[in-house]
Amino acid sequence: MYEHFFQCPYCWEEISMLLDTSVRQQTYIEDCEVCCNPIELTPEFQEHELVGFSANDIDQ
């Protein structure tokens, strides 16, 4: 597991999430631990190193 810090696209607070390094690329939804809004997360790993990451709001 890899801990990554990023800014919430809704409340702009810095939050952290644990990411699974065994999956090369994935997209999933996780709620912000501060404001509880859903965030679309897209991490990308190469050889267990984070090479790309995006955290986007979801139009509701």
PDB file of N, CA and C in Angstrom:
ATOM      1  N   MET A   1       0.843  -1.185   0.000  1.00  0.00           N
ATOM      2  CA  MET A   1       0.000   0.000   0.000  1.00  0.00           C
ATOM      3  C   MET A   1       0.887   1.247   0.000  1.00  0.00           C
ATOM      4  N   TYR A   2       0.360   2.299  -0.592  1.00  0.00           N
ATOM      5  CA  TYR A   2       1.106   3.543  -0.758  1.00  0.00           C
ATOM      6  C   TYR A   2       0.226   4.686  -0.265  1.00  0.00           C
ATOM      7  N   GLU A   3       0.712   5.488   0.684  1.00  0.00           N
ATOM      8  CA  GLU A   3      -0.060   6.632   1.170  1.00  0.00           C
ATOM      9  C   GLU A   3       0.245   7.840   0.289  1.00  0.00           C
ATOM     10  N   HIS A   4      -0.828   8.450  -0.242  1.00  0.00           N
ATOM     11  CA  HIS A   4      -0.672   9.605  -1.126  1.00  0.00           C
ATOM     12  C   HIS A   4      -1.491  10.763  -0.584  1.00  0.00           C
ATOM     13  N   PHE A   5      -0.890  11.942  -0.509  1.00  0.00           N
ATOM     14  CA  PHE A   5      -1.564  13.155  -0.055  1.00  0.00           C
ATOM     15  C   PHE A   5      -1.952  13.993  -1.266  1.00  0.00           C
ATOM     16  N   PHE A   6      -3.174  14.539  -1.246  1.00  0.00           N
ATOM     17  CA  PHE A   6      -3.650  15.377  -2.340  1.00  0.00           C
ATOM     18  C   PHE A   6      -4.726  16.307  -1.817  1.00  0.00           C
ATOM     19  N   GLN A   7      -5.128  17.268  -2.641  1.00  0.00           N
ATOM     20  CA  GLN A   7      -6.120  18.252  -2.256  1.00  0.00           C
ATOM     21  C   GLN A   7      -7.500  17.843  -2.757  1.00  0.00           C
ATOM     22  N   CYS A   8      -8.502  17.903  -1.886  1.00  0.00           N
ATOM     23  CA  CYS A   8      -9.879  17.583  -2.266  1.00  0.00           C
ATOM     24  C   CYS A   8     -10.368  18.620  -3.278  1.00  0.00           C
ATOM     25  N   PRO A   9     -10.990  18.183  -4.386  1.00  0.00           N
ATOM     26  CA  PRO A   9     -11.479  19.131  -5.389  1.00  0.00           C
ATOM     27  C   PRO A   9     -12.731  19.902  -4.945  1.00  0.00           C
ATOM     28  N   TYR A  10     -13.298  19.558  -3.797  1.00  0.00           N
ATOM     29  CA  TYR A  10     -14.482  20.260  -3.282  1.00  0.00           C
ATOM     30  C   TYR A  10     -14.119  21.256  -2.182  1.00  0.00           C
ATOM     31  N   CYS A  11     -13.485  20.770  -1.117  1.00  0.00           N
ATOM     32  CA  CYS A  11     -13.230  21.612   0.053  1.00  0.00           C
ATOM     33  C   CYS A  11     -11.784  22.119   0.115  1.00  0.00           C
ATOM     34  N   TRP A  12     -10.925  21.643  -0.778  1.00  0.00           N
ATOM     35  CA  TRP A  12      -9.525  22.058  -0.913  1.00  0.00           C
ATOM     36  C   TRP A  12      -8.653  21.680   0.278  1.00  0.00           C
ATOM     37  N   GLU A  13      -9.171  20.840   1.172  1.00  0.00           N
ATOM     38  CA  GLU A  13      -8.362  20.349   2.295  1.00  0.00           C
ATOM     39  C   GLU A  13      -7.394  19.285   1.800  1.00  0.00           C
ATOM     40  N   GLU A  14      -6.228  19.209   2.423  1.00  0.00           N
ATOM     41  CA  GLU A  14      -5.292  18.144   2.084  1.00  0.00           C
ATOM     42  C   GLU A  14      -5.740  16.871   2.799  1.00  0.00           C
ATOM     43  N   ILE A  15      -5.889  15.811   2.045  1.00  0.00           N
ATOM     44  CA  ILE A  15      -6.279  14.521   2.609  1.00  0.00           C
ATOM     45  C   ILE A  15      -5.309  13.459   2.103  1.00  0.00           C
ATOM     46  N   SER A  16      -5.351  12.311   2.731  1.00  0.00           N
ATOM     47  CA  SER A  16      -4.496  11.212   2.280  1.00  0.00           C
ATOM     48  C   SER A  16      -5.353   9.975   2.059  1.00  0.00           C
ATOM     49  N   MET A  17      -4.893   9.147   1.151  1.00  0.00           N
ATOM     50  CA  MET A  17      -5.556   7.874   0.871  1.00  0.00           C
ATOM     51  C   MET A  17      -4.483   6.812   0.701  1.00  0.00           C
ATOM     52  N   LEU A  18      -4.837   5.601   1.067  1.00  0.00           N
ATOM     53  CA  LEU A  18      -3.948   4.474   0.823  1.00  0.00           C
ATOM     54  C   LEU A  18      -4.293   3.892  -0.541  1.00  0.00           C
ATOM     55  N   LEU A  19      -3.290   3.763  -1.395  1.00  0.00           N
ATOM     56  CA  LEU A  19      -3.484   3.266  -2.750  1.00  0.00           C
ATOM     57  C   LEU A  19      -2.831   1.901  -2.888  1.00  0.00           C
ATOM     58  N   ASP A  20      -3.470   1.021  -3.632  1.00  0.00           N
ATOM     59  CA  ASP A  20      -2.972  -0.332  -3.871  1.00  0.00           C
ATOM     60  C   ASP A  20      -1.976  -0.323  -5.026  1.00  0.00           C
ATOM     61  N   THR A  21      -0.709  -0.572  -4.737  1.00  0.00           N
ATOM     62  CA  THR A  21       0.335  -0.522  -5.760  1.00  0.00           C
ATOM     63  C   THR A  21       0.360  -1.764  -6.646  1.00  0.00           C
ATOM     64  N   SER A  22      -0.405  -2.786  -6.303  1.00  0.00           N
ATOM     65  CA  SER A  22      -0.387  -4.022  -7.099  1.00  0.00           C
ATOM     66  C   SER A  22      -1.228  -3.917  -8.371  1.00  0.00           C
ATOM     67  N   VAL A  23      -2.066  -2.882  -8.476  1.00  0.00           N
ATOM     68  CA  VAL A  23      -2.891  -2.658  -9.665  1.00  0.00           C
ATOM     69  C   VAL A  23      -2.262  -1.502 -10.438  1.00  0.00           C
ATOM     70  N   ARG A  24      -1.861  -1.758 -11.688  1.00  0.00           N
ATOM     71  CA  ARG A  24      -1.115  -0.765 -12.468  1.00  0.00           C
ATOM     72  C   ARG A  24      -1.890   0.535 -12.672  1.00  0.00           C
ATOM     73  N   GLN A  25      -3.144   0.436 -13.113  1.00  0.00           N
ATOM     74  CA  GLN A  25      -3.976   1.625 -13.298  1.00  0.00           C
ATOM     75  C   GLN A  25      -5.402   1.282 -12.916  1.00  0.00           C
ATOM     76  N   GLN A  26      -6.050   2.194 -12.205  1.00  0.00           N
ATOM     77  CA  GLN A  26      -7.426   1.967 -11.791  1.00  0.00           C
ATOM     78  C   GLN A  26      -8.140   3.301 -11.650  1.00  0.00           C
ATOM     79  N   THR A  27      -9.455   3.247 -11.686  1.00  0.00           N
ATOM     80  CA  THR A  27     -10.292   4.419 -11.434  1.00  0.00           C
ATOM     81  C   THR A  27     -11.397   3.979 -10.489  1.00  0.00           C
ATOM     82  N   TYR A  28     -11.572   4.725  -9.422  1.00  0.00           N
ATOM     83  CA  TYR A  28     -12.618   4.390  -8.462  1.00  0.00           C
ATOM     84  C   TYR A  28     -13.084   5.644  -7.741  1.00  0.00           C
ATOM     85  N   ILE A  29     -14.190   5.516  -7.007  1.00  0.00           N
ATOM     86  CA  ILE A  29     -14.798   6.629  -6.279  1.00  0.00           C
ATOM     87  C   ILE A  29     -14.559   6.417  -4.787  1.00  0.00           C
ATOM     88  N   GLU A  30     -14.118   7.487  -4.137  1.00  0.00           N
ATOM     89  CA  GLU A  30     -13.891   7.464  -2.690  1.00  0.00           C
ATOM     90  C   GLU A  30     -14.405   8.788  -2.135  1.00  0.00           C
ATOM     91  N   ASP A  31     -15.045   8.751  -0.967  1.00  0.00           N
ATOM     92  CA  ASP A  31     -15.540   9.979  -0.350  1.00  0.00           C
ATOM     93  C   ASP A  31     -14.413  10.708   0.362  1.00  0.00           C
ATOM     94  N   CYS A  32     -14.434  12.045   0.295  1.00  0.00           N
ATOM     95  CA  CYS A  32     -13.479  12.870   1.026  1.00  0.00           C
ATOM     96  C   CYS A  32     -13.700  12.653   2.523  1.00  0.00           C
ATOM     97  N   GLU A  33     -12.628  12.470   3.263  1.00  0.00           N
ATOM     98  CA  GLU A  33     -12.751  12.241   4.704  1.00  0.00           C
ATOM     99  C   GLU A  33     -13.095  13.511   5.470  1.00  0.00           C
ATOM    100  N   VAL A  34     -13.036  14.682   4.820  1.00  0.00           N
ATOM    101  CA  VAL A  34     -13.368  15.946   5.478  1.00  0.00           C
ATOM    102  C   VAL A  34     -14.798  16.375   5.147  1.00  0.00           C
ATOM    103  N   CYS A  35     -15.122  16.503   3.836  1.00  0.00           N
ATOM    104  CA  CYS A  35     -16.437  17.026   3.441  1.00  0.00           C
ATOM    105  C   CYS A  35     -17.409  15.948   2.957  1.00  0.00           C
ATOM    106  N   CYS A  36     -16.944  14.716   2.819  1.00  0.00           N
ATOM    107  CA  CYS A  36     -17.766  13.554   2.441  1.00  0.00           C
ATOM    108  C   CYS A  36     -18.280  13.570   1.000  1.00  0.00           C
ATOM    109  N   ASN A  37     -17.781  14.456   0.149  1.00  0.00           N
ATOM    110  CA  ASN A  37     -18.174  14.452  -1.256  1.00  0.00           C
ATOM    111  C   ASN A  37     -17.404  13.369  -2.007  1.00  0.00           C
ATOM    112  N   PRO A  38     -18.009  12.799  -3.069  1.00  0.00           N
ATOM    113  CA  PRO A  38     -17.350  11.736  -3.818  1.00  0.00           C
ATOM    114  C   PRO A  38     -16.266  12.278  -4.753  1.00  0.00           C
ATOM    115  N   ILE A  39     -15.107  11.625  -4.739  1.00  0.00           N
ATOM    116  CA  ILE A  39     -13.974  12.010  -5.564  1.00  0.00           C
ATOM    117  C   ILE A  39     -13.628  10.837  -6.476  1.00  0.00           C
ATOM    118  N   GLU A  40     -13.448  11.124  -7.763  1.00  0.00           N
ATOM    119  CA  GLU A  40     -12.996  10.097  -8.697  1.00  0.00           C
ATOM    120  C   GLU A  40     -11.463  10.077  -8.676  1.00  0.00           C
ATOM    121  N   LEU A  41     -10.903   8.977  -8.231  1.00  0.00           N
ATOM    122  CA  LEU A  41      -9.458   8.831  -8.109  1.00  0.00           C
ATOM    123  C   LEU A  41      -8.926   7.944  -9.223  1.00  0.00           C
ATOM    124  N   THR A  42      -7.831   8.366  -9.832  1.00  0.00           N
ATOM    125  CA  THR A  42      -7.193   7.579 -10.883  1.00  0.00           C
ATOM    126  C   THR A  42      -5.685   7.550 -10.640  1.00  0.00           C
ATOM    127  N   PRO A  43      -5.217   6.553  -9.865  1.00  0.00           N
ATOM    128  CA  PRO A  43      -3.766   6.398  -9.698  1.00  0.00           C
ATOM    129  C   PRO A  43      -3.192   5.477 -10.773  1.00  0.00           C
ATOM    130  N   GLU A  44      -1.926   5.702 -11.123  1.00  0.00           N
ATOM    131  CA  GLU A  44      -1.228   4.846 -12.075  1.00  0.00           C
ATOM    132  C   GLU A  44       0.161   4.530 -11.512  1.00  0.00           C
ATOM    133  N   PHE A  45       0.479   3.249 -11.500  1.00  0.00           N
ATOM    134  CA  PHE A  45       1.753   2.791 -10.951  1.00  0.00           C
ATOM    135  C   PHE A  45       2.567   2.075 -12.016  1.00  0.00           C
ATOM    136  N   GLN A  46       3.885   2.199 -11.912  1.00  0.00           N
ATOM    137  CA  GLN A  46       4.819   1.396 -12.704  1.00  0.00           C
ATOM    138  C   GLN A  46       5.855   0.854 -11.736  1.00  0.00           C
ATOM    139  N   GLU A  47       5.966  -0.450 -11.690  1.00  0.00           N
ATOM    140  CA  GLU A  47       6.884  -1.125 -10.780  1.00  0.00           C
ATOM    141  C   GLU A  47       6.709  -0.635  -9.341  1.00  0.00           C
ATOM    142  N   HIS A  48       5.459  -0.523  -8.915  1.00  0.00           N
ATOM    143  CA  HIS A  48       5.053  -0.124  -7.566  1.00  0.00           C
ATOM    144  C   HIS A  48       5.405   1.312  -7.214  1.00  0.00           C
ATOM    145  N   GLU A  49       5.732   2.141  -8.199  1.00  0.00           N
ATOM    146  CA  GLU A  49       5.986   3.561  -7.997  1.00  0.00           C
ATOM    147  C   GLU A  49       4.848   4.358  -8.634  1.00  0.00           C
ATOM    148  N   LEU A  50       4.335   5.353  -7.924  1.00  0.00           N
ATOM    149  CA  LEU A  50       3.263   6.194  -8.440  1.00  0.00           C
ATOM    150  C   LEU A  50       3.807   7.101  -9.538  1.00  0.00           C
ATOM    151  N   VAL A  51       3.252   6.983 -10.754  1.00  0.00           N
ATOM    152  CA  VAL A  51       3.716   7.790 -11.882  1.00  0.00           C
ATOM    153  C   VAL A  51       2.639   8.758 -12.382  1.00  0.00           C
ATOM    154  N   GLY A  52       1.408   8.584 -11.926  1.00  0.00           N
ATOM    155  CA  GLY A  52       0.323   9.476 -12.319  1.00  0.00           C
ATOM    156  C   GLY A  52      -0.799   9.416 -11.311  1.00  0.00           C
ATOM    157  N   PHE A  53      -1.469  10.540 -11.093  1.00  0.00           N
ATOM    158  CA  PHE A  53      -2.571  10.567 -10.138  1.00  0.00           C
ATOM    159  C   PHE A  53      -3.490  11.731 -10.479  1.00  0.00           C
ATOM    160  N   SER A  54      -4.798  11.474 -10.456  1.00  0.00           N
ATOM    161  CA  SER A  54      -5.764  12.563 -10.580  1.00  0.00           C
ATOM    162  C   SER A  54      -6.889  12.336  -9.584  1.00  0.00           C
ATOM    163  N   ALA A  55      -7.387  13.448  -9.056  1.00  0.00           N
ATOM    164  CA  ALA A  55      -8.513  13.440  -8.132  1.00  0.00           C
ATOM    165  C   ALA A  55      -9.497  14.490  -8.639  1.00  0.00           C
ATOM    166  N   ASN A  56     -10.638  14.029  -9.149  1.00  0.00           N
ATOM    167  CA  ASN A  56     -11.601  14.922  -9.792  1.00  0.00           C
ATOM    168  C   ASN A  56     -12.943  14.893  -9.089  1.00  0.00           C
ATOM    169  N   ASP A  57     -13.634  16.053  -9.121  1.00  0.00           N
ATOM    170  CA  ASP A  57     -14.992  16.084  -8.590  1.00  0.00           C
ATOM    171  C   ASP A  57     -15.924  15.363  -9.546  1.00  0.00           C
ATOM    172  N   ILE A  58     -17.083  14.995  -9.032  1.00  0.00           N
ATOM    173  CA  ILE A  58     -18.083  14.281  -9.827  1.00  0.00           C
ATOM    174  C   ILE A  58     -19.307  15.181  -9.935  1.00  0.00           C
ATOM    175  N   ASP A  59     -19.681  15.520 -11.142  1.00  0.00           N
ATOM    176  CA  ASP A  59     -20.873  16.346 -11.337  1.00  0.00           C
ATOM    177  C   ASP A  59     -22.094  15.570 -10.887  1.00  0.00           C
ATOM    178  N   GLN A  60     -22.800  16.144  -9.935  1.00  0.00           N
ATOM    179  CA  GLN A  60     -23.979  15.464  -9.392  1.00  0.00           C
ATOM    180  C   GLN A  60     -25.234  16.192  -9.781  1.00  0.00           C
TER     181      GLN A  60
END
